[in-house]
C-alpha cells in the first residue's frame, strides 16, 4: 500500500526523469568553480530570479545563514518574524555562528510584518545597541503568500531606513504560481533570496542563494567557512536544474490538492479547518486533543502520516495526488465514525 506522507513537502522522492538527469550529470570540483552542472544551476537560478549571481548550497538553513551573514557583521542585528524559519527553526545559527543578534517580531495574520512595529524596533545609532542592518521576510509564511503591494512598501521602507532585505523564499515558487507572476517579480524587491530546491520542487537536496555578485562573493567565502564547500556536486545540481525546468508549473496541482483536502476535512465536524485560509500547499487542522494520538495511530496503520500535536500542518506535494487526498479524508472520517460508535456502545453497556 502506498504511503501518504503529509508531514512536509520535504519527503518527496526524485522522479525517474530527475534520477536520469542526476546519473548523466557532467561534474567537476565545485570548490574550484569547475563543476559545469553546478555553474549551470547557479546561472539558471540567478536568471529566473533576476539576480546577478547565485550560490548552490546543501541546505536551506545554510542558504539563509549565508544570506544574513552576507549583510551583517559581528554585533549587527536582523529583524525577523517570531515564527520565521530564519529565527525559530535554524538552531540560532546567525547568533551562534555569525554573532548576529535577532530581533523577532510577531507576524500579522497574513504573514507580513507590520512596518510601524519594524520601525520601532530599529535601534538608534548608539554604542549601547546592536546595529540594525537587515530585515528578513518569509514567502510563503505558513502557506500564506505575501501581497505584491506589501513587498513594494517593504522595499521602500528598507531603503529609507538603510536596511538590507533578505527573503527566505523556501517556497517562493509556490507564491509565484499562486499569484500567477514570474518569480523575478517577487525576488525583485529583495537584495538576497534563498530558494529551496528540496521542498515543493522535489529535488533530493539543496538550495540556492540568489543576489548581487558582491553578496554572493561574500556568501561563497562564508560557505567554505561553514563547511558547505562541495566537490563533484553536479550530481545534486542536476536534480535542481531538472526541478526548476520541470516542477514549477505543476505546483498548482499541489495547491489544488490542498484545497481539496481542506474542503474534505471541513465536512468532519470533529475537526477545525478553514478552507478559505488555504492559499498554497498547506492545510492547518485542529484536532480534538483527547483523540489526536488515537487518530494518528489509526492513520499510521493505514499508511497515512501526519505531524504531531493537536494543530497539525498537512502539506501536499508531488507524491500526493487527488486520490490520496480523498483516501485521507475518508480515513479520518472513518476514525470519527468508529470512535462515536464505540462511545455509544460503551454508554449503552
Protein backbone atom coordinates (compact mmCIF):
# COMPACT_ATOMS: atom_id res chain seq x y z
CA UNK A 1 0.00 0.00 0.00
CA UNK A 2 1.28 3.45 -0.92
CA UNK A 3 2.43 5.63 1.97
CA UNK A 4 0.72 9.01 2.04
CA UNK A 5 3.03 11.35 3.92
CA UNK A 6 1.57 14.78 4.63
CA UNK A 7 4.11 15.91 7.22
CA UNK A 8 6.03 18.10 4.78
CA UNK A 9 6.91 18.63 1.13
CA UNK A 10 10.49 17.66 2.01
CA UNK A 11 9.58 13.96 1.92
CA UNK A 12 9.35 13.64 -1.87
CA UNK A 13 11.34 11.09 -3.87
CA UNK A 14 13.22 12.06 -7.05
CA UNK A 15 11.22 11.27 -10.17
CA UNK A 16 12.58 8.93 -12.81
CA UNK A 17 13.41 11.89 -15.06
CA UNK A 18 15.28 13.59 -12.24
CA UNK A 19 17.23 10.42 -11.46
CA UNK A 20 18.23 10.12 -15.10
CA UNK A 21 19.44 13.72 -15.13
CA UNK A 22 21.49 13.08 -12.00
CA UNK A 23 23.06 9.96 -13.45
CA UNK A 24 24.05 11.80 -16.64
CA UNK A 25 25.42 14.92 -14.91
CA UNK A 26 28.78 16.28 -16.03
CA UNK A 27 30.83 17.05 -12.92
CA UNK A 28 33.97 18.82 -11.73
CA UNK A 29 35.30 20.28 -8.49
CA UNK A 30 32.88 22.96 -7.33
CA UNK A 31 35.24 24.42 -4.72
CA UNK A 32 37.49 25.32 -7.66
CA UNK A 33 34.42 26.60 -9.51
CA UNK A 34 34.88 23.82 -12.08
CA UNK A 35 31.67 21.82 -11.81
CA UNK A 36 29.81 22.69 -15.03
CA UNK A 37 26.44 21.44 -13.77
CA UNK A 38 26.65 23.47 -10.56
CA UNK A 39 27.62 26.51 -12.62
CA UNK A 40 24.64 25.91 -14.92
CA UNK A 41 22.27 25.60 -11.96
CA UNK A 42 23.56 28.82 -10.43
CA UNK A 43 23.22 30.67 -13.72
CA UNK A 44 19.71 29.30 -14.26
CA UNK A 45 18.52 30.23 -10.77
CA UNK A 46 20.03 33.71 -10.92
CA UNK A 47 18.40 34.33 -14.28
CA UNK A 48 14.99 33.13 -13.13
CA UNK A 49 15.10 35.39 -10.08
CA UNK A 50 16.59 38.35 -11.94
CA UNK A 51 19.79 38.46 -9.88
CA UNK A 52 23.42 38.80 -10.91
CA UNK A 53 24.63 35.58 -9.30
CA UNK A 54 23.67 32.55 -7.25
CA UNK A 55 25.30 30.05 -4.92
CA UNK A 56 24.37 26.36 -4.60
CA UNK A 57 24.42 25.11 -1.01
CA UNK A 58 23.43 21.87 0.71
CA UNK A 59 20.51 23.19 2.79
CA UNK A 60 18.02 26.00 3.15
CA UNK A 61 19.31 26.59 6.68
CA UNK A 62 22.79 27.28 5.32
CA UNK A 63 21.41 29.41 2.49
CA UNK A 64 19.50 31.63 4.92
CA UNK A 65 22.50 31.87 7.25
CA UNK A 66 24.73 32.89 4.35
CA UNK A 67 22.17 35.47 3.31
CA UNK A 68 22.19 37.01 6.79
CA UNK A 69 25.98 36.86 7.03
CA UNK A 70 26.34 38.48 3.61
CA UNK A 71 24.56 41.53 5.03
CA UNK A 72 25.66 41.65 8.65
CA UNK A 73 28.86 41.74 10.64
CA UNK A 74 29.61 40.70 14.20
CA UNK A 75 27.45 42.77 16.58
CA UNK A 76 24.83 43.64 13.97
CA UNK A 77 21.14 42.81 14.20
CA UNK A 78 18.44 41.49 11.90
CA UNK A 79 14.69 41.98 12.35
CA UNK A 80 12.66 38.85 11.70
CA UNK A 81 9.31 37.19 12.42
CA UNK A 82 8.86 35.40 15.73
CA UNK A 83 7.72 32.25 13.92
CA UNK A 84 10.07 32.68 10.95
CA UNK A 85 12.27 29.79 9.93
CA UNK A 86 15.35 32.02 9.97
CA UNK A 87 14.74 32.77 13.63
CA UNK A 88 12.96 29.81 15.22
CA UNK A 89 13.87 26.71 13.25
CA UNK A 90 17.51 27.07 12.24
CA UNK A 91 19.29 26.40 15.53
CA UNK A 92 20.07 30.04 16.25
CA UNK A 93 22.79 29.89 13.60
CA UNK A 94 23.00 33.63 12.96
CA UNK A 95 23.63 34.29 16.64
CA UNK A 96 25.80 31.24 17.30
CA UNK A 97 27.93 31.29 14.17
CA UNK A 98 27.62 34.85 12.92
CA UNK A 99 27.43 36.77 16.23
CA UNK A 100 24.40 38.50 14.71
CA UNK A 101 21.55 39.35 17.05
CA UNK A 102 17.97 38.55 16.01
CA UNK A 103 15.16 40.95 16.89
CA UNK A 104 11.96 38.90 16.48
CA UNK A 105 8.53 40.46 15.99
CA UNK A 106 5.13 38.80 15.76
CA UNK A 107 3.79 38.18 12.28
CA UNK A 108 0.46 39.63 11.26
CA UNK A 109 -2.30 37.18 10.35
CA UNK A 110 -1.38 37.40 6.66
CA UNK A 111 2.30 36.56 7.23
CA UNK A 112 3.55 40.14 6.94
CA UNK A 113 5.46 42.22 9.49
CA UNK A 114 3.82 45.49 10.49
CA UNK A 115 6.21 48.18 9.27
CA UNK A 116 5.38 50.55 12.13
CA UNK A 117 6.47 47.88 14.58
CA UNK A 118 9.57 47.22 12.50
CA UNK A 119 10.40 50.94 12.57
CA UNK A 120 10.02 50.99 16.35
CA UNK A 121 12.41 48.01 16.64
CA UNK A 122 15.24 49.65 14.66
CA UNK A 123 17.96 50.59 17.12
CA UNK A 124 19.38 54.10 17.34
CA UNK A 125 22.98 54.72 16.34
CA UNK A 126 24.28 54.28 19.87
CA UNK A 127 27.03 52.06 21.27
CA UNK A 128 24.54 50.57 23.75
CA UNK A 129 22.74 48.76 20.96
CA UNK A 130 23.38 46.22 18.26
CA UNK A 131 23.37 47.84 14.82
CA UNK A 132 20.16 47.09 12.93
CA UNK A 133 21.25 46.15 9.43
CA UNK A 134 18.75 43.73 7.92
CA UNK A 135 15.05 42.92 7.62
CA UNK A 136 14.12 39.31 6.86
CA UNK A 137 10.78 38.14 5.46
CA UNK A 138 9.43 34.71 4.55
CA UNK A 139 7.38 33.80 1.46
CA UNK A 140 5.34 31.72 1.78
CA UNK A 141 4.81 32.08 5.53
CA UNK A 142 2.73 29.24 6.93
CA UNK A 143 1.46 28.68 3.40
CA UNK A 144 0.38 32.31 3.06
CA UNK A 145 1.59 34.43 0.14
CA UNK A 146 2.90 37.92 0.83
CA UNK A 147 0.98 40.53 -1.21
CA UNK A 148 2.98 42.12 -4.02
CA UNK A 149 1.93 45.62 -2.97
CA UNK A 150 3.30 44.92 0.50
CA UNK A 151 6.66 43.88 -0.94
CA UNK A 152 6.92 47.18 -2.76
CA UNK A 153 6.22 49.04 0.51
CA UNK A 154 8.78 46.93 2.35
CA UNK A 155 11.41 47.74 -0.26
CA UNK A 156 10.80 51.48 0.04
CA UNK A 157 10.79 51.21 3.84
CA UNK A 158 14.09 49.31 3.93
CA UNK A 159 15.78 51.79 1.63
CA UNK A 160 14.52 54.71 3.72
CA UNK A 161 15.95 53.15 6.87
CA UNK A 162 19.22 51.89 5.38
CA UNK A 163 18.34 48.21 5.82
CA UNK A 164 19.16 45.27 3.61
CA UNK A 165 16.34 42.89 2.67
CA UNK A 166 16.63 39.10 2.80
CA UNK A 167 13.87 36.73 1.74
CA UNK A 168 13.57 33.20 3.00
CA UNK A 169 11.91 32.04 -0.20
CA UNK A 170 11.98 28.35 0.63
CA UNK A 171 8.61 28.08 -1.14
CA UNK A 172 8.97 31.17 -3.31
CA UNK A 173 7.86 29.32 -6.42
CA UNK A 174 4.63 28.33 -4.67
CA UNK A 175 3.99 32.02 -4.07
CA UNK A 176 4.74 32.92 -7.69
CA UNK A 177 2.49 30.18 -9.06
CA UNK A 178 -0.35 31.20 -6.73
CA UNK A 179 -0.03 34.87 -7.73
CA UNK A 180 0.43 33.93 -11.41
CA UNK A 181 3.58 36.03 -11.78
CA UNK A 182 7.16 35.29 -12.80
CA UNK A 183 9.25 34.56 -9.75
CA UNK A 184 11.52 37.53 -10.50
CA UNK A 185 8.56 39.84 -9.84
CA UNK A 186 8.75 38.80 -6.19
CA UNK A 187 12.54 38.46 -5.93
CA UNK A 188 12.99 41.92 -7.46
CA UNK A 189 12.23 43.62 -4.15
CA UNK A 190 14.93 41.81 -2.15
CA UNK A 191 18.71 42.02 -2.02
CA UNK A 192 19.21 38.34 -1.20
CA UNK A 193 16.79 35.47 -1.79
CA UNK A 194 17.09 31.88 -0.61
CA UNK A 195 15.17 29.24 -2.59
CA UNK A 196 14.83 25.63 -1.51
CA UNK A 197 15.01 23.00 -4.24
CA UNK A 198 14.09 20.07 -1.98
CA UNK A 199 10.59 21.12 -0.92
CA UNK A 200 7.79 21.51 -3.45
CA UNK A 201 10.23 21.44 -6.36
CA UNK A 202 11.10 17.86 -5.47
CA UNK A 203 14.91 17.74 -5.56
CA UNK A 204 16.54 15.41 -3.01
CA UNK A 205 18.79 18.10 -1.53
CA UNK A 206 19.96 21.66 -1.98
CA UNK A 207 19.09 25.36 -2.00
CA UNK A 208 20.31 28.38 -3.94
CA UNK A 209 21.05 31.84 -2.64
CA UNK A 210 20.50 34.49 -5.32
CA UNK A 211 21.80 38.06 -5.03
CA UNK A 212 24.24 40.60 -6.41
CA UNK A 213 27.70 39.41 -7.39
CA UNK A 214 29.14 41.17 -4.35
CA UNK A 215 26.77 39.49 -1.91
CA UNK A 216 27.39 36.08 -3.49
CA UNK A 217 31.18 36.55 -3.33
CA UNK A 218 30.89 37.16 0.39
CA UNK A 219 28.46 34.27 0.84
CA UNK A 220 30.77 31.93 -1.10
CA UNK A 221 33.59 32.62 1.32
CA UNK A 222 31.33 32.01 4.32
CA UNK A 223 30.04 28.81 2.71
CA UNK A 224 33.57 27.45 2.83
CA UNK A 225 33.99 28.54 6.45
CA UNK A 226 30.71 26.83 7.37
CA UNK A 227 31.75 23.57 5.72
CA UNK A 228 29.44 23.90 2.75
CA UNK A 229 32.04 23.59 0.04
CA UNK A 230 31.23 20.54 -2.10
CA UNK A 231 33.28 18.78 -4.74
CA UNK A 232 31.57 16.87 -7.58
CA UNK A 233 28.24 18.38 -6.62
CA UNK A 234 26.90 18.37 -10.17
CA UNK A 235 25.09 15.12 -9.44
CA UNK A 236 22.96 17.06 -6.95
CA UNK A 237 22.82 20.24 -9.00
CA UNK A 238 21.37 18.26 -11.93
CA UNK A 239 18.37 17.45 -9.76
CA UNK A 240 17.95 21.15 -9.04
CA UNK A 241 18.09 22.03 -12.73
CA UNK A 242 15.52 19.36 -13.51
CA UNK A 243 13.28 20.69 -10.75
CA UNK A 244 13.46 24.28 -11.99
CA UNK A 245 12.79 23.23 -15.57
CA UNK A 246 10.03 20.69 -14.91
CA UNK A 247 8.43 21.09 -11.48
CA UNK A 248 7.45 24.74 -11.18
CA UNK A 249 4.13 24.94 -13.01
CA UNK A 250 2.96 21.67 -11.51
CA UNK A 251 2.93 23.32 -8.06
CA UNK A 252 -0.58 24.45 -8.98
CA UNK A 253 -1.62 20.79 -8.65
CA UNK A 254 -0.36 20.75 -5.07
CA UNK A 255 -2.35 23.90 -4.31
CA UNK A 256 -5.48 22.37 -5.80
CA UNK A 257 -4.97 19.20 -3.79
CA UNK A 258 -4.52 21.23 -0.60
CA UNK A 259 -7.81 22.99 -1.29
CA UNK A 260 -9.46 19.62 -1.94
CA UNK A 261 -8.08 18.30 1.34
CA UNK A 262 -9.25 21.33 3.31
CA UNK A 263 -12.78 21.16 1.90
CA UNK A 264 -12.99 17.43 2.55
CA UNK A 265 -11.81 17.71 6.14
CA UNK A 266 -14.07 20.69 6.84
CA UNK A 267 -17.04 18.34 6.46
CA UNK A 268 -15.87 16.34 9.50
CA UNK A 269 -17.47 18.07 12.49
CA UNK A 270 -14.82 16.98 14.97
CA UNK A 271 -12.10 18.86 13.04
CA UNK A 272 -11.48 22.57 12.73
CA UNK A 273 -10.31 23.61 9.26
CA UNK A 274 -10.69 26.88 7.38
CA UNK A 275 -10.64 26.12 3.64
CA UNK A 276 -10.61 29.83 2.73
CA UNK A 277 -7.29 30.21 4.54
CA UNK A 278 -5.58 27.75 2.20
CA UNK A 279 -3.57 29.60 -0.44
CA UNK A 280 -0.82 27.20 -1.47
CA UNK A 281 0.09 23.66 -0.38
CA UNK A 282 -0.50 23.81 3.38
CA UNK A 283 -3.61 22.94 5.37
CA UNK A 284 -3.75 23.56 9.12
CA UNK A 285 -6.11 21.29 11.05
CA UNK A 286 -7.09 21.50 14.72
CA UNK A 287 -7.64 18.01 16.14
CA UNK A 288 -9.63 17.22 19.30
CA UNK A 289 -6.93 16.95 21.97
CA UNK A 290 -8.29 13.80 23.62
CA UNK A 291 -8.38 11.93 20.31
CA UNK A 292 -5.33 13.26 18.47
CA UNK A 293 -2.95 10.44 19.39
CA UNK A 294 -5.50 7.75 18.64
CA UNK A 295 -6.24 9.34 15.28
CA UNK A 296 -2.55 9.46 14.44
CA UNK A 297 -2.18 5.77 15.30
CA UNK A 298 -5.28 4.90 13.26
CA UNK A 299 -3.94 6.76 10.23
CA UNK A 300 -0.46 5.32 10.54
CA UNK A 301 -1.92 1.81 10.39
CA UNK A 302 -3.39 2.85 7.05
CA UNK A 303 -0.06 4.23 5.76
CA UNK A 304 -1.06 7.86 6.31
CA UNK A 305 1.45 10.04 8.16
CA UNK A 306 0.67 13.40 9.72
CA UNK A 307 2.61 15.62 12.11
CA UNK A 308 2.49 15.68 15.88
CA UNK A 309 0.42 17.85 18.19
CA UNK A 310 -3.19 18.94 18.11
CA UNK A 311 -2.70 21.65 15.47
CA UNK A 312 -1.39 19.74 12.50
CA UNK A 313 0.11 21.12 9.31
CA UNK A 314 -0.70 18.93 6.31
CA UNK A 315 1.40 19.58 3.21
CA UNK A 316 0.63 18.41 -0.31
CA UNK A 317 3.43 17.72 -2.80
CA UNK A 318 4.32 15.89 -6.00
CA UNK A 319 3.96 12.46 -4.38
CA UNK A 320 0.35 13.22 -3.36
CA UNK A 321 -2.49 13.10 -5.89
CA UNK A 322 -6.23 13.72 -5.66
CA UNK A 323 -6.91 10.03 -4.98
CA UNK A 324 -4.55 10.17 -1.99
CA UNK A 325 -6.32 13.26 -0.68
CA UNK A 326 -9.68 11.50 -0.89
CA UNK A 327 -8.21 8.47 0.89
CA UNK A 328 -7.02 10.65 3.77
CA UNK A 329 -10.39 12.38 4.11
CA UNK A 330 -12.13 9.00 4.04
CA UNK A 331 -9.80 7.52 6.67
CA UNK A 332 -10.24 10.45 9.03
CA UNK A 333 -13.99 10.32 8.63
CA UNK A 334 -13.91 6.58 9.29
CA UNK A 335 -11.98 7.14 12.50
CA UNK A 336 -14.52 9.53 13.96
CA UNK A 337 -17.47 7.34 12.95
CA UNK A 338 -15.79 4.38 14.66
CA UNK A 339 -14.98 6.48 17.72
CA UNK A 340 -18.59 7.67 18.01
CA UNK A 341 -19.84 4.09 17.65
CA UNK A 342 -17.50 2.84 20.38
CA UNK A 343 -18.61 5.63 22.71
CA UNK A 344 -22.25 4.83 22.04
CA UNK A 345 -21.66 1.12 22.73
CA UNK A 346 -19.84 1.99 25.96
CA UNK A 347 -22.74 4.12 27.21
CA UNK A 348 -25.29 1.51 26.13
CA UNK A 349 -23.40 -1.14 28.11
